[in-house]
Amino acid sequence: MTTTVSVKIPARILERIPRAGSGRSGFIVRALEEKLARQRPLEWRAEGRRGRRLAALLKRGEAERFPLLGEEALRRELQERRGRFA
């Protein structure tokens, strides 16, 4: 899916990028993707009392959620729960 965005670009930058119809959009998209790839994803940090409490609950439940089951292990788990392997 694409969305059209209108931005103001200083003339000094506009002079250095491809002209309209000569790959300007692709150039800008690649430049943005490159810039975003360099950024580290932001990690959520609890700031309020409620957030810290929820973060503690998440931390305690981590052992139950990880490591994730592989495809075969998940299939076996489902069969056991359905009473087909017991």
N, C-alpha and C. Protein backbone atom coordinates (compact mmCIF):
# COMPACT_ATOMS: atom_id res chain seq x y z
N MET A 1 0.83 -1.16 0.00
CA MET A 1 0.00 0.00 0.00
C MET A 1 0.89 1.24 0.00
N THR A 2 0.54 2.22 -0.75
CA THR A 2 1.30 3.47 -0.77
C THR A 2 0.38 4.63 -0.42
N THR A 3 0.99 5.68 0.09
CA THR A 3 0.28 6.90 0.44
C THR A 3 1.07 8.07 -0.11
N THR A 4 0.39 9.03 -0.68
CA THR A 4 1.06 10.21 -1.20
C THR A 4 1.24 11.20 -0.06
N VAL A 5 2.47 11.72 0.04
CA VAL A 5 2.81 12.67 1.09
C VAL A 5 3.43 13.89 0.43
N SER A 6 3.04 15.05 0.88
CA SER A 6 3.59 16.29 0.36
C SER A 6 4.49 16.91 1.42
N VAL A 7 5.73 17.20 1.05
CA VAL A 7 6.68 17.82 1.99
C VAL A 7 7.40 18.97 1.31
N LYS A 8 7.85 19.89 2.12
CA LYS A 8 8.66 20.98 1.60
C LYS A 8 10.12 20.59 1.71
N ILE A 9 10.84 20.71 0.59
CA ILE A 9 12.25 20.35 0.55
C ILE A 9 13.05 21.59 0.19
N PRO A 10 14.10 21.91 0.95
CA PRO A 10 14.90 23.08 0.62
C PRO A 10 15.51 22.94 -0.78
N ALA A 11 15.64 24.07 -1.47
CA ALA A 11 16.14 24.09 -2.85
C ALA A 11 17.53 23.44 -2.95
N ARG A 12 18.38 23.64 -1.94
CA ARG A 12 19.74 23.08 -1.98
C ARG A 12 19.71 21.55 -2.02
N ILE A 13 18.69 20.94 -1.41
CA ILE A 13 18.56 19.48 -1.44
C ILE A 13 17.90 19.05 -2.74
N LEU A 14 16.87 19.76 -3.16
CA LEU A 14 16.14 19.43 -4.37
C LEU A 14 17.05 19.42 -5.60
N GLU A 15 18.05 20.29 -5.61
CA GLU A 15 18.99 20.35 -6.74
C GLU A 15 19.85 19.10 -6.84
N ARG A 16 20.02 18.39 -5.74
CA ARG A 16 20.93 17.24 -5.70
C ARG A 16 20.24 15.90 -5.90
N ILE A 17 18.92 15.86 -5.92
CA ILE A 17 18.21 14.59 -6.12
C ILE A 17 17.68 14.52 -7.55
N PRO A 18 17.34 13.30 -8.02
CA PRO A 18 16.86 13.17 -9.41
C PRO A 18 15.63 14.04 -9.67
N ARG A 19 15.49 14.43 -10.92
CA ARG A 19 14.34 15.24 -11.35
C ARG A 19 13.08 14.39 -11.35
N ALA A 20 11.93 15.07 -11.30
CA ALA A 20 10.65 14.38 -11.37
C ALA A 20 10.59 13.58 -12.66
N GLY A 21 10.12 12.36 -12.60
CA GLY A 21 10.04 11.51 -13.78
C GLY A 21 11.34 10.77 -14.06
N SER A 22 12.37 11.01 -13.27
CA SER A 22 13.67 10.35 -13.46
C SER A 22 14.05 9.53 -12.24
N GLY A 23 13.09 9.09 -11.50
CA GLY A 23 13.36 8.25 -10.34
C GLY A 23 13.40 8.97 -9.01
N ARG A 24 12.84 10.16 -8.94
CA ARG A 24 12.87 10.93 -7.70
C ARG A 24 12.16 10.19 -6.56
N SER A 25 10.98 9.67 -6.81
CA SER A 25 10.22 8.99 -5.75
C SER A 25 10.98 7.79 -5.20
N GLY A 26 11.52 6.98 -6.09
CA GLY A 26 12.29 5.81 -5.66
C GLY A 26 13.50 6.21 -4.85
N PHE A 27 14.17 7.27 -5.27
CA PHE A 27 15.33 7.76 -4.55
C PHE A 27 14.96 8.16 -3.13
N ILE A 28 13.88 8.90 -3.00
CA ILE A 28 13.44 9.37 -1.68
C ILE A 28 13.02 8.19 -0.80
N VAL A 29 12.30 7.25 -1.37
CA VAL A 29 11.86 6.09 -0.61
C VAL A 29 13.07 5.29 -0.12
N ARG A 30 14.05 5.04 -1.00
CA ARG A 30 15.25 4.31 -0.60
C ARG A 30 16.02 5.06 0.48
N ALA A 31 16.11 6.38 0.35
CA ALA A 31 16.81 7.17 1.36
C ALA A 31 16.12 7.07 2.71
N LEU A 32 14.80 7.13 2.72
CA LEU A 32 14.06 7.01 3.98
C LEU A 32 14.22 5.62 4.58
N GLU A 33 14.15 4.58 3.74
CA GLU A 33 14.32 3.22 4.24
C GLU A 33 15.70 3.03 4.84
N GLU A 34 16.71 3.58 4.18
CA GLU A 34 18.08 3.49 4.68
C GLU A 34 18.21 4.19 6.03
N LYS A 35 17.65 5.36 6.14
CA LYS A 35 17.70 6.12 7.39
C LYS A 35 16.99 5.37 8.51
N LEU A 36 15.82 4.82 8.23
CA LEU A 36 15.07 4.08 9.24
C LEU A 36 15.76 2.79 9.65
N ALA A 37 16.46 2.15 8.72
CA ALA A 37 17.16 0.91 9.02
C ALA A 37 18.30 1.15 10.01
N ARG A 38 18.85 2.35 10.02
CA ARG A 38 19.95 2.68 10.94
C ARG A 38 19.48 2.93 12.36
N GLN A 39 18.20 3.21 12.52
CA GLN A 39 17.68 3.52 13.85
C GLN A 39 17.38 2.24 14.62
N ARG A 40 17.73 2.25 15.89
CA ARG A 40 17.37 1.12 16.73
C ARG A 40 15.91 1.25 17.12
N PRO A 41 15.17 0.14 17.18
CA PRO A 41 13.77 0.24 17.60
C PRO A 41 13.70 0.72 19.06
N LEU A 42 12.73 1.55 19.32
CA LEU A 42 12.56 2.06 20.67
C LEU A 42 11.98 0.98 21.57
N GLU A 43 12.56 0.85 22.74
CA GLU A 43 12.06 -0.13 23.69
C GLU A 43 11.12 0.57 24.65
N TRP A 44 9.98 -0.04 24.89
CA TRP A 44 8.99 0.56 25.78
C TRP A 44 9.50 0.50 27.20
N ARG A 45 9.36 1.61 27.90
CA ARG A 45 9.72 1.67 29.31
C ARG A 45 8.54 2.22 30.10
N ALA A 46 8.24 1.54 31.18
CA ALA A 46 7.14 1.98 32.03
C ALA A 46 7.54 3.25 32.77
N GLU A 47 6.65 4.24 32.77
CA GLU A 47 6.95 5.49 33.46
C GLU A 47 6.08 5.69 34.68
N GLY A 48 4.84 5.30 34.61
CA GLY A 48 3.93 5.50 35.73
C GLY A 48 3.88 4.29 36.64
N ARG A 49 3.16 4.43 37.75
CA ARG A 49 3.02 3.33 38.72
C ARG A 49 2.32 2.13 38.08
N ARG A 50 1.24 2.40 37.35
CA ARG A 50 0.50 1.32 36.71
C ARG A 50 1.36 0.63 35.64
N GLY A 51 2.09 1.41 34.87
CA GLY A 51 2.96 0.84 33.84
C GLY A 51 4.05 -0.04 34.44
N ARG A 52 4.64 0.40 35.55
CA ARG A 52 5.67 -0.43 36.21
C ARG A 52 5.07 -1.73 36.73
N ARG A 53 3.83 -1.65 37.23
CA ARG A 53 3.16 -2.86 37.72
C ARG A 53 2.91 -3.83 36.56
N LEU A 54 2.44 -3.30 35.44
CA LEU A 54 2.19 -4.16 34.27
C LEU A 54 3.50 -4.72 33.71
N ALA A 55 4.56 -3.92 33.73
CA ALA A 55 5.86 -4.40 33.26
C ALA A 55 6.35 -5.55 34.13
N ALA A 56 6.12 -5.46 35.44
CA ALA A 56 6.52 -6.54 36.35
C ALA A 56 5.73 -7.81 36.04
N LEU A 57 4.44 -7.67 35.75
CA LEU A 57 3.63 -8.84 35.38
C LEU A 57 4.13 -9.48 34.10
N LEU A 58 4.47 -8.65 33.13
CA LEU A 58 5.01 -9.18 31.87
C LEU A 58 6.31 -9.92 32.11
N LYS A 59 7.16 -9.38 32.94
CA LYS A 59 8.45 -10.00 33.22
C LYS A 59 8.26 -11.35 33.90
N ARG A 60 7.33 -11.43 34.86
CA ARG A 60 7.08 -12.70 35.55
C ARG A 60 6.51 -13.76 34.61
N GLY A 61 5.71 -13.35 33.63
CA GLY A 61 5.11 -14.30 32.71
C GLY A 61 5.99 -14.68 31.54
N GLU A 62 7.17 -14.07 31.47
CA GLU A 62 8.07 -14.32 30.34
C GLU A 62 8.46 -15.79 30.22
N ALA A 63 8.71 -16.44 31.34
CA ALA A 63 9.13 -17.84 31.32
C ALA A 63 8.06 -18.74 30.70
N GLU A 64 6.80 -18.36 30.87
CA GLU A 64 5.71 -19.17 30.31
C GLU A 64 5.55 -18.95 28.81
N ARG A 65 5.96 -17.79 28.32
CA ARG A 65 5.76 -17.46 26.91
C ARG A 65 6.94 -17.86 26.03
N PHE A 66 8.13 -17.97 26.58
CA PHE A 66 9.31 -18.23 25.77
C PHE A 66 10.04 -19.44 26.30
N PRO A 67 10.74 -20.19 25.52
CA PRO A 67 10.87 -20.06 24.07
C PRO A 67 9.61 -20.53 23.37
N LEU A 68 9.38 -19.99 22.21
CA LEU A 68 8.20 -20.35 21.44
C LEU A 68 8.34 -21.77 20.89
N LEU A 69 7.22 -22.45 20.74
CA LEU A 69 7.24 -23.80 20.19
C LEU A 69 7.48 -23.77 18.70
N GLY A 70 8.20 -24.76 18.21
CA GLY A 70 8.36 -24.91 16.77
C GLY A 70 7.09 -25.50 16.17
N GLU A 71 7.07 -25.63 14.87
CA GLU A 71 5.86 -26.12 14.19
C GLU A 71 5.49 -27.54 14.62
N GLU A 72 6.48 -28.41 14.69
CA GLU A 72 6.23 -29.80 15.07
C GLU A 72 5.81 -29.90 16.53
N ALA A 73 6.48 -29.16 17.41
CA ALA A 73 6.14 -29.18 18.83
C ALA A 73 4.74 -28.63 19.06
N LEU A 74 4.36 -27.61 18.32
CA LEU A 74 3.03 -27.04 18.43
C LEU A 74 1.98 -28.07 17.99
N ARG A 75 2.25 -28.77 16.90
CA ARG A 75 1.32 -29.79 16.42
C ARG A 75 1.13 -30.88 17.48
N ARG A 76 2.24 -31.35 18.09
CA ARG A 76 2.16 -32.37 19.15
C ARG A 76 1.38 -31.86 20.35
N GLU A 77 1.64 -30.63 20.75
CA GLU A 77 0.94 -30.03 21.90
C GLU A 77 -0.56 -30.00 21.66
N LEU A 78 -0.96 -29.59 20.46
CA LEU A 78 -2.39 -29.53 20.14
C LEU A 78 -3.01 -30.91 20.15
N GLN A 79 -2.31 -31.89 19.61
CA GLN A 79 -2.84 -33.25 19.60
C GLN A 79 -3.00 -33.79 21.02
N GLU A 80 -2.02 -33.52 21.89
CA GLU A 80 -2.11 -33.96 23.28
C GLU A 80 -3.29 -33.31 23.98
N ARG A 81 -3.48 -32.03 23.77
CA ARG A 81 -4.60 -31.33 24.41
C ARG A 81 -5.94 -31.84 23.91
N ARG A 82 -5.97 -32.30 22.68
CA ARG A 82 -7.23 -32.81 22.12
C ARG A 82 -7.43 -34.29 22.45
N GLY A 83 -6.47 -34.89 23.19
CA GLY A 83 -6.61 -36.27 23.63
C GLY A 83 -6.26 -37.30 22.59
N ARG A 84 -5.51 -36.95 21.58
CA ARG A 84 -5.18 -37.91 20.52
C ARG A 84 -3.83 -38.58 20.74
N PHE A 85 -3.04 -38.10 21.68
CA PHE A 85 -1.71 -38.66 21.88
C PHE A 85 -1.54 -39.25 23.28
N ALA A 86 -2.41 -38.94 24.16
CA ALA A 86 -2.29 -39.32 25.57
C ALA A 86 -2.10 -40.78 25.73
